Amino acid sequence: MEPLKIAFVGMGQHYASHVWMRRMHELLADQIVVSIDDCRNTRYSQRALTTIQLVPRKMSRVMRLIKLLGLTTRTHASTRSEWMLRVISRSGANCVLVHFLDYAVQFADVWKKLDLPVVVHCHGYDITWQLKHFETAEPVHPPDYTDQVLALGNNVSFIANSTFTQQRLTKIGVEASRAPIKRFGVPVSSEPPTFDSACKTILYLGRLASFKGPVETVRAFDRVAGKHNACRLELAGDGPLALEVDQAIDACLHRSMIHRHGAVDVAQGDKLRSRSAVFTAHNQVGKLTGQQEAFGVSLIEAMANGLPVVTGRSGGLVDFVRHEENGMLFDSGDVSGHADMLDELLSNWLKRQKLGLAAWETVRENYQIENEREDLLRILDEAVNGTRQAHRIAA
């Protein structure tokens, strides 16, 4: 089998919410020959600290002057594509791993010119075909977005991060065999977690976006906080609903029992999980956006720490959260049901322990770092060696 030499194209590799991408980069480090990001998503101060090559924002000043004089038909988009093609071609890569389907569509002309297999990792918003902007409700993707996806060359295949994502792809006509499911992996101890019966801290950690339901989470907590003097809700994350979340907290009867953090780094996230008893969100279909949680890495991270998850039955979460086995699922939109489940766990420490232990076992058996590495290498190996085999047959 031909050894893997990967061109890793991951937009926003330094985002606080993209810890999973950095983990993936580390898993594949020995096989990556070039790493590419978009300069709009990488802080200038970080450039010197990485070996990431940055896609140019636009044409150089000289080329813009030449275009102004009518001496070239090049555009900003074609300049970016030419750069991408040149860098990957010169890298010696024998496959390309691209994160986010809509980003891959932007460079469709590049993939068609490369005689390499291209594997596009899909995540969530990028397979929400009718995605709306969270403020204006205007379409985020172009009207012919699904046509553009289906028009990607025969050398392009996909990675689905959940059954939900795979089903979204097959619904528009992508064969399931072209979109295998890959597990995410997170750090998990080989020893069972310890449980503190006195701890009644509830944690929400994630983007403040409507499909994760931070506002509904605040309201559900406020309904039960008065029954449990020692309980507390920790809200960590930032996002488009930050103001609305603050307003919801201000309207709470028990707002002194709610502490809202901003975005947190890996170490802060670990610390918050270590001092919590329950992880919660209110996953649902976003009211304006139409988006759902396609997988939910933050939930897996919590479960790895022995935290039972309480959330809405939505999207890809049902791949790993099983009601009354390793967590609790309510019908999305049911704030009262959400509150009742929080109340039950806060009142029953033995149940918290039972579900938390089962949550840890779920991650230990299925979602360790090595599980993700195995899935990635298998999918990429099949893409590379399958393409070579097809070429030999055609010849």
Protein backbone atom coordinates (compact mmCIF):
# COMPACT_ATOMS: atom_id res chain seq x y z
CA MET A 1 0.00 0.00 0.00
CA GLU A 2 1.22 3.49 -0.81
CA PRO A 3 2.11 5.47 2.32
CA LEU A 4 -0.10 8.47 3.06
CA LYS A 5 1.18 11.96 2.27
CA ILE A 6 -1.61 14.33 3.26
CA ALA A 7 -2.35 17.92 2.33
CA PHE A 8 -4.35 19.03 5.37
CA VAL A 9 -6.72 21.89 4.50
CA GLY A 10 -8.43 22.98 7.71
CA MET A 11 -10.10 26.35 7.82
CA GLY A 12 -9.90 28.07 11.21
CA GLN A 13 -7.38 25.72 12.81
CA HIS A 14 -6.77 28.11 15.72
CA TYR A 15 -10.40 28.76 16.62
CA ALA A 16 -11.18 28.01 20.27
CA SER A 17 -14.12 25.91 19.08
CA HIS A 18 -11.88 23.90 16.71
CA VAL A 19 -9.94 21.91 19.32
CA TRP A 20 -11.12 18.77 17.54
CA MET A 21 -9.34 19.93 14.34
CA ARG A 22 -6.06 20.48 16.16
CA ARG A 23 -6.38 17.00 17.68
CA MET A 24 -6.92 15.56 14.22
CA HIS A 25 -3.88 17.43 12.93
CA GLU A 26 -1.80 15.92 15.73
CA LEU A 27 -3.11 12.43 14.97
CA LEU A 28 -2.02 12.71 11.35
CA ALA A 29 1.16 14.74 11.93
CA ASP A 30 3.49 12.02 10.66
CA GLN A 31 1.56 11.80 7.38
CA ILE A 32 0.93 15.52 6.77
CA VAL A 33 3.27 17.05 4.16
CA VAL A 34 1.57 20.46 3.99
CA SER A 35 -0.99 22.21 6.19
CA ILE A 36 -3.15 24.98 4.75
CA ASP A 37 -5.46 27.47 6.45
CA ASP A 38 -7.22 30.62 5.32
CA CYS A 39 -5.56 33.86 6.47
CA ARG A 40 -8.96 35.32 7.33
CA ASN A 41 -9.20 32.74 10.11
CA THR A 42 -5.65 32.71 11.49
CA ARG A 43 -4.41 35.53 13.71
CA TYR A 44 -1.29 37.18 12.34
CA SER A 45 0.50 36.74 15.67
CA GLN A 46 0.24 32.97 15.28
CA ARG A 47 1.80 32.71 11.86
CA ALA A 48 5.37 32.54 13.15
CA LEU A 49 4.37 29.88 15.67
CA THR A 50 3.13 27.39 13.08
CA THR A 51 4.13 25.80 9.82
CA ILE A 52 0.69 26.44 8.37
CA GLN A 53 0.61 28.02 4.93
CA LEU A 54 -2.05 30.67 4.53
CA VAL A 55 -4.26 31.09 1.48
CA PRO A 56 -3.85 34.67 0.17
CA ARG A 57 -6.80 36.93 0.84
CA LYS A 58 -6.68 38.51 -2.59
CA MET A 59 -4.42 39.41 -5.49
CA SER A 60 -1.22 41.30 -4.87
CA ARG A 61 -1.16 45.06 -5.47
CA VAL A 62 0.77 44.52 -8.69
CA MET A 63 -1.80 42.05 -10.01
CA ARG A 64 -4.66 44.37 -9.01
CA LEU A 65 -3.01 47.16 -11.01
CA ILE A 66 -2.57 44.84 -14.00
CA LYS A 67 -6.24 43.84 -13.75
CA LEU A 68 -7.26 47.51 -13.53
CA LEU A 69 -5.35 48.13 -16.77
CA GLY A 70 -7.29 45.30 -18.40
CA LEU A 71 -4.20 43.17 -18.92
CA THR A 72 -5.50 40.08 -17.09
CA THR A 73 -8.82 38.32 -16.47
CA ARG A 74 -7.71 36.92 -13.13
CA THR A 75 -9.94 37.46 -10.08
CA HIS A 76 -9.43 37.21 -6.34
CA ALA A 77 -11.04 33.76 -6.43
CA SER A 78 -8.86 32.50 -9.27
CA THR A 79 -5.75 33.83 -7.52
CA ARG A 80 -6.65 31.84 -4.41
CA SER A 81 -7.36 28.71 -6.44
CA GLU A 82 -4.10 28.98 -8.36
CA TRP A 83 -2.23 29.34 -5.08
CA MET A 84 -3.99 26.27 -3.59
CA LEU A 85 -3.27 24.16 -6.67
CA ARG A 86 0.38 25.22 -6.75
CA VAL A 87 1.06 24.58 -3.05
CA ILE A 88 -0.58 21.15 -2.99
CA SER A 89 1.04 20.08 -6.26
CA ARG A 90 4.49 21.02 -5.03
CA SER A 91 4.03 19.36 -1.63
CA GLY A 92 4.22 15.79 -2.92
CA ALA A 93 0.88 14.97 -1.29
CA ASN A 94 -0.99 11.93 -2.55
CA CYS A 95 -4.32 12.90 -0.98
CA VAL A 96 -6.10 15.98 0.33
CA LEU A 97 -8.15 16.19 3.52
CA VAL A 98 -10.44 19.24 3.52
CA HIS A 99 -12.55 20.44 6.42
CA PHE A 100 -16.02 21.87 5.78
CA LEU A 101 -17.97 21.06 2.67
CA ASP A 102 -18.82 24.64 1.72
CA TYR A 103 -15.11 25.50 1.86
CA ALA A 104 -14.31 22.55 -0.41
CA VAL A 105 -16.93 23.81 -2.88
CA GLN A 106 -15.09 27.15 -3.09
CA PHE A 107 -12.09 25.32 -4.55
CA ALA A 108 -13.96 22.85 -6.77
CA ASP A 109 -11.83 23.87 -9.76
CA VAL A 110 -8.68 22.91 -7.83
CA TRP A 111 -9.88 19.40 -7.00
CA LYS A 112 -10.78 18.80 -10.66
CA LYS A 113 -7.25 19.71 -11.75
CA LEU A 114 -5.54 17.59 -9.10
CA ASP A 115 -4.94 13.96 -10.00
CA LEU A 116 -5.38 13.09 -6.31
CA PRO A 117 -8.16 11.75 -4.10
CA VAL A 118 -9.80 14.53 -2.10
CA VAL A 119 -11.65 13.64 1.10
CA VAL A 120 -14.00 16.31 2.48
CA HIS A 121 -14.81 16.16 6.19
CA CYS A 122 -18.39 17.37 6.74
CA HIS A 123 -19.40 18.79 10.10
CA GLY A 124 -22.84 20.35 10.52
CA TYR A 125 -23.63 23.79 9.18
CA ASP A 126 -22.10 22.70 5.88
CA ILE A 127 -24.67 19.89 5.42
CA THR A 128 -27.59 22.08 6.51
CA TRP A 129 -28.69 22.66 2.93
CA GLN A 130 -31.23 25.39 3.73
CA LEU A 131 -29.15 27.08 6.44
CA LYS A 132 -30.32 30.59 7.34
CA HIS A 133 -28.30 33.43 8.87
CA PHE A 134 -28.85 33.65 12.63
CA GLU A 135 -29.84 37.33 12.48
CA THR A 136 -31.36 38.01 9.07
CA ALA A 137 -32.72 34.55 8.21
CA GLU A 138 -31.18 35.03 4.78
CA PRO A 139 -29.82 31.88 3.08
CA VAL A 140 -26.17 31.21 3.95
CA HIS A 141 -25.47 28.84 1.08
CA PRO A 142 -26.10 29.68 -2.60
CA PRO A 143 -29.35 28.44 -4.20
CA ASP A 144 -27.47 25.78 -6.18
CA TYR A 145 -25.32 24.62 -3.24
CA THR A 146 -26.41 20.98 -3.38
CA ASP A 147 -25.82 20.95 -7.15
CA GLN A 148 -22.30 22.27 -6.52
CA VAL A 149 -21.71 19.50 -3.98
CA LEU A 150 -22.88 16.82 -6.39
CA ALA A 151 -20.75 18.36 -9.17
CA LEU A 152 -17.52 17.86 -7.22
CA GLY A 153 -15.31 15.50 -9.23
CA ASN A 154 -15.22 11.71 -9.06
CA ASN A 155 -11.96 12.02 -7.12
CA VAL A 156 -13.87 13.66 -4.24
CA SER A 157 -15.37 11.61 -1.41
CA PHE A 158 -16.70 12.60 2.00
CA ILE A 159 -16.39 11.89 5.70
CA ALA A 160 -19.58 11.98 7.78
CA ASN A 161 -19.17 12.73 11.48
CA SER A 162 -22.43 10.94 12.39
CA THR A 163 -25.32 8.91 11.02
CA PHE A 164 -27.25 12.18 10.84
CA THR A 165 -24.63 13.77 8.59
CA GLN A 166 -24.41 10.69 6.39
CA GLN A 167 -28.19 10.74 5.96
CA ARG A 168 -28.09 14.41 4.96
CA LEU A 169 -25.58 13.57 2.25
CA THR A 170 -27.45 10.55 0.93
CA LYS A 171 -30.66 12.59 0.84
CA ILE A 172 -29.21 14.79 -1.92
CA GLY A 173 -27.86 11.84 -3.88
CA VAL A 174 -24.41 11.04 -2.42
CA GLU A 175 -23.94 7.28 -2.14
CA ALA A 176 -23.39 6.12 1.45
CA SER A 177 -20.23 4.31 0.34
CA ARG A 178 -18.75 7.72 -0.61
CA ALA A 179 -19.48 9.13 2.86
CA PRO A 180 -18.28 6.71 5.56
CA ILE A 181 -18.81 7.63 9.20
CA LYS A 182 -15.74 8.57 11.23
CA ARG A 183 -15.74 8.70 15.01
CA PHE A 184 -14.31 11.66 16.88
CA GLY A 185 -11.81 10.86 19.61
CA VAL A 186 -11.24 12.67 22.90
CA PRO A 187 -8.88 12.15 25.84
CA VAL A 188 -10.27 9.67 28.36
CA SER A 189 -8.72 8.13 31.46
CA SER A 190 -8.17 4.38 31.60
CA GLU A 191 -9.39 4.48 35.19
CA PRO A 192 -13.06 5.08 36.09
CA PRO A 193 -13.85 8.62 37.23
CA THR A 194 -14.48 9.48 40.84
CA PHE A 195 -17.78 11.01 41.86
CA ASP A 196 -18.49 13.66 44.48
CA SER A 197 -21.95 13.19 45.95
CA ALA A 198 -21.96 16.78 47.23
CA CYS A 199 -21.25 18.35 43.83
CA LYS A 200 -24.35 19.79 42.15
CA THR A 201 -22.75 21.99 39.50
CA ILE A 202 -24.33 21.82 36.06
CA LEU A 203 -22.17 22.70 33.06
CA TYR A 204 -23.07 24.11 29.65
CA LEU A 205 -19.95 24.37 27.48
CA GLY A 206 -20.29 25.25 23.82
CA ARG A 207 -21.13 27.98 21.36
CA LEU A 208 -24.01 30.22 22.31
CA ALA A 209 -26.01 29.27 19.24
CA SER A 210 -29.73 28.59 18.98
CA PHE A 211 -29.41 24.94 17.98
CA LYS A 212 -27.56 24.26 21.25
CA GLY A 213 -30.29 26.00 23.26
CA PRO A 214 -28.36 28.09 25.83
CA VAL A 215 -31.38 30.32 26.52
CA GLU A 216 -33.65 27.31 27.11
CA THR A 217 -30.94 25.82 29.33
CA VAL A 218 -30.92 28.93 31.52
CA ARG A 219 -34.70 28.86 31.82
CA ALA A 220 -34.77 25.14 32.64
CA PHE A 221 -32.15 25.60 35.36
CA ASP A 222 -34.03 28.53 36.90
CA ARG A 223 -37.09 26.29 37.35
CA VAL A 224 -35.21 23.87 39.60
CA ALA A 225 -32.48 25.99 41.21
CA GLY A 226 -34.70 26.93 44.16
CA LYS A 227 -35.00 23.26 45.16
CA HIS A 228 -31.25 22.73 45.47
CA ASN A 229 -29.41 25.33 47.53
CA ALA A 230 -25.94 24.09 46.57
CA CYS A 231 -26.53 23.85 42.83
CA ARG A 232 -24.96 26.13 40.24
CA LEU A 233 -25.06 26.56 36.47
CA GLU A 234 -21.76 27.30 34.73
CA LEU A 235 -22.17 28.62 31.16
CA ALA A 236 -18.97 28.63 29.09
CA GLY A 237 -18.72 29.78 25.50
CA ASP A 238 -19.42 32.68 23.20
CA GLY A 239 -21.49 33.16 20.10
CA PRO A 240 -24.35 34.98 18.41
CA LEU A 241 -26.78 34.54 21.33
CA ALA A 242 -24.47 36.07 23.96
CA LEU A 243 -26.71 39.11 24.52
CA GLU A 244 -29.88 37.04 24.58
CA VAL A 245 -28.33 34.65 27.10
CA ASP A 246 -27.34 37.56 29.35
CA GLN A 247 -30.88 38.90 29.15
CA ALA A 248 -32.29 35.48 30.03
CA ILE A 249 -29.98 35.28 33.04
CA ASP A 250 -31.01 38.76 34.20
CA ALA A 251 -34.64 37.65 34.05
CA CYS A 252 -34.00 34.60 36.25
CA LEU A 253 -35.25 34.40 39.80
CA HIS A 254 -32.06 32.54 40.74
CA ARG A 255 -29.60 34.48 38.61
CA SER A 256 -27.04 34.57 41.45
CA MET A 257 -26.66 30.80 40.98
CA ILE A 258 -25.62 31.21 37.33
CA HIS A 259 -22.08 32.08 36.30
CA ARG A 260 -21.41 32.88 32.65
CA HIS A 261 -17.87 32.59 31.30
CA GLY A 262 -16.81 33.69 27.86
CA ALA A 263 -15.00 31.40 25.46
CA VAL A 264 -12.62 29.07 27.31
CA ASP A 265 -9.44 27.30 26.26
CA VAL A 266 -8.69 23.59 26.63
CA ALA A 267 -7.29 23.88 30.16
CA GLN A 268 -10.24 25.96 31.36
CA GLY A 269 -12.67 23.51 29.79
CA ASP A 270 -10.96 20.60 31.56
CA LYS A 271 -11.17 22.46 34.87
CA LEU A 272 -14.87 23.21 34.44
CA ARG A 273 -15.67 19.59 33.63
CA SER A 274 -13.65 18.34 36.60
CA ARG A 275 -15.75 20.38 39.05
CA SER A 276 -19.16 19.60 37.53
CA ALA A 277 -21.72 16.84 38.14
CA VAL A 278 -23.93 17.10 35.03
CA PHE A 279 -23.45 18.36 31.49
CA THR A 280 -26.43 19.93 29.80
CA ALA A 281 -27.62 21.74 26.69
CA HIS A 282 -30.96 22.07 24.92
CA ASN A 283 -30.13 20.70 21.50
CA GLN A 284 -32.81 21.43 18.94
CA VAL A 285 -33.42 22.71 15.42
CA GLY A 286 -32.21 26.32 15.38
CA LYS A 287 -35.22 28.61 15.26
CA LEU A 288 -33.90 30.87 12.51
CA THR A 289 -30.97 28.89 11.13
CA GLY A 290 -32.55 25.46 10.79
CA GLN A 291 -29.26 23.93 11.98
CA GLN A 292 -28.96 20.92 14.27
CA GLU A 293 -26.03 19.48 16.22
CA ALA A 294 -24.53 17.02 13.74
CA PHE A 295 -22.35 15.32 16.35
CA GLY A 296 -21.43 17.21 19.53
CA VAL A 297 -17.76 16.89 20.54
CA SER A 298 -18.38 18.85 23.76
CA LEU A 299 -20.82 16.16 24.90
CA ILE A 300 -18.31 13.38 24.27
CA GLU A 301 -15.67 15.35 26.20
CA ALA A 302 -18.07 15.66 29.13
CA MET A 303 -18.96 11.96 29.04
CA ALA A 304 -15.25 11.09 29.05
CA ASN A 305 -15.11 12.87 32.41
CA GLY A 306 -17.98 10.81 33.80
CA LEU A 307 -20.64 13.50 33.40
CA PRO A 308 -24.13 12.32 32.47
CA VAL A 309 -25.55 14.39 29.61
CA VAL A 310 -29.02 15.94 29.68
CA THR A 311 -30.07 17.39 26.34
CA GLY A 312 -32.68 17.49 23.59
CA ARG A 313 -33.17 14.55 21.27
CA SER A 314 -31.79 16.11 18.08
CA GLY A 315 -29.37 15.58 15.21
CA GLY A 316 -26.42 13.24 15.63
CA LEU A 317 -26.44 13.08 19.44
CA VAL A 318 -28.51 9.90 19.38
CA ASP A 319 -25.47 8.08 17.97
CA PHE A 320 -23.94 8.03 21.45
CA VAL A 321 -26.35 9.45 24.07
CA ARG A 322 -28.79 6.73 25.12
CA HIS A 323 -31.70 7.74 27.32
CA GLU A 324 -31.56 6.36 30.86
CA GLU A 325 -28.40 4.40 29.99
CA ASN A 326 -25.58 6.96 29.81
CA GLY A 327 -27.58 10.20 29.80
CA MET A 328 -31.07 11.62 29.52
CA LEU A 329 -32.88 12.90 26.43
CA PHE A 330 -36.01 15.05 26.35
CA ASP A 331 -38.06 16.27 23.41
CA SER A 332 -36.48 19.39 21.98
CA GLY A 333 -38.38 22.53 22.96
CA ASP A 334 -39.67 21.01 26.21
CA VAL A 335 -38.13 23.32 28.81
CA SER A 336 -40.27 21.78 31.54
CA GLY A 337 -39.06 18.29 30.63
CA HIS A 338 -35.49 19.59 30.61
CA ALA A 339 -35.97 21.04 34.10
CA ASP A 340 -37.51 17.82 35.41
CA MET A 341 -34.51 15.77 34.29
CA LEU A 342 -32.07 18.20 35.88
CA ASP A 343 -34.11 18.06 39.06
CA GLU A 344 -34.07 14.27 39.04
CA LEU A 345 -30.29 14.06 38.70
CA LEU A 346 -29.65 16.76 41.27
CA SER A 347 -31.90 14.84 43.69
CA ASN A 348 -30.41 11.41 43.02
CA TRP A 349 -26.64 11.20 43.31
CA LEU A 350 -26.64 7.41 42.79
CA LYS A 351 -28.30 7.89 39.41
CA ARG A 352 -25.78 10.59 38.51
CA GLN A 353 -23.03 8.12 39.36
CA LYS A 354 -24.62 5.26 37.39
CA LEU A 355 -25.19 7.33 34.24
CA GLY A 356 -21.81 9.02 34.57
CA LEU A 357 -19.96 5.72 34.76
CA ALA A 358 -21.86 4.43 31.72
CA ALA A 359 -21.02 7.67 29.88
CA TRP A 360 -17.31 7.18 30.58
CA GLU A 361 -17.51 3.57 29.39
CA THR A 362 -19.19 4.66 26.16
CA VAL A 363 -16.30 6.99 25.36
CA ARG A 364 -13.61 4.55 26.50
CA GLU A 365 -15.01 1.83 24.23
CA ASN A 366 -15.83 3.89 21.14
CA TYR A 367 -14.48 7.45 21.15
CA GLN A 368 -10.86 7.37 22.25
CA ILE A 369 -8.20 9.23 20.30
CA GLU A 370 -6.96 5.97 18.83
CA ASN A 371 -10.46 5.15 17.53
CA GLU A 372 -10.46 8.38 15.55
CA ARG A 373 -6.96 7.76 14.23
CA GLU A 374 -7.91 4.27 13.04
CA ASP A 375 -11.01 5.58 11.26
CA LEU A 376 -9.10 8.42 9.61
CA LEU A 377 -6.24 6.28 8.39
CA ARG A 378 -8.61 3.62 7.07
CA ILE A 379 -10.69 6.13 5.12
CA LEU A 380 -7.68 7.96 3.69
CA ASP A 381 -5.84 4.73 2.86
CA GLU A 382 -8.90 3.46 1.00
CA ALA A 383 -9.16 6.74 -0.90
CA VAL A 384 -5.50 6.68 -1.97
CA ASN A 385 -5.13 3.02 -2.78
CA GLY A 386 -8.62 2.75 -4.23
CA THR A 387 -7.79 5.57 -6.67
CA ARG A 388 -4.52 3.90 -7.66
CA GLN A 389 -6.35 0.62 -8.24
CA ALA A 390 -8.95 2.36 -10.40
CA HIS A 391 -6.20 3.98 -12.46
CA ARG A 392 -4.50 0.61 -13.03
CA ILE A 393 -7.80 -0.96 -14.18
CA ALA A 394 -8.48 1.97 -16.52
CA ALA A 395 -5.01 1.66 -17.99
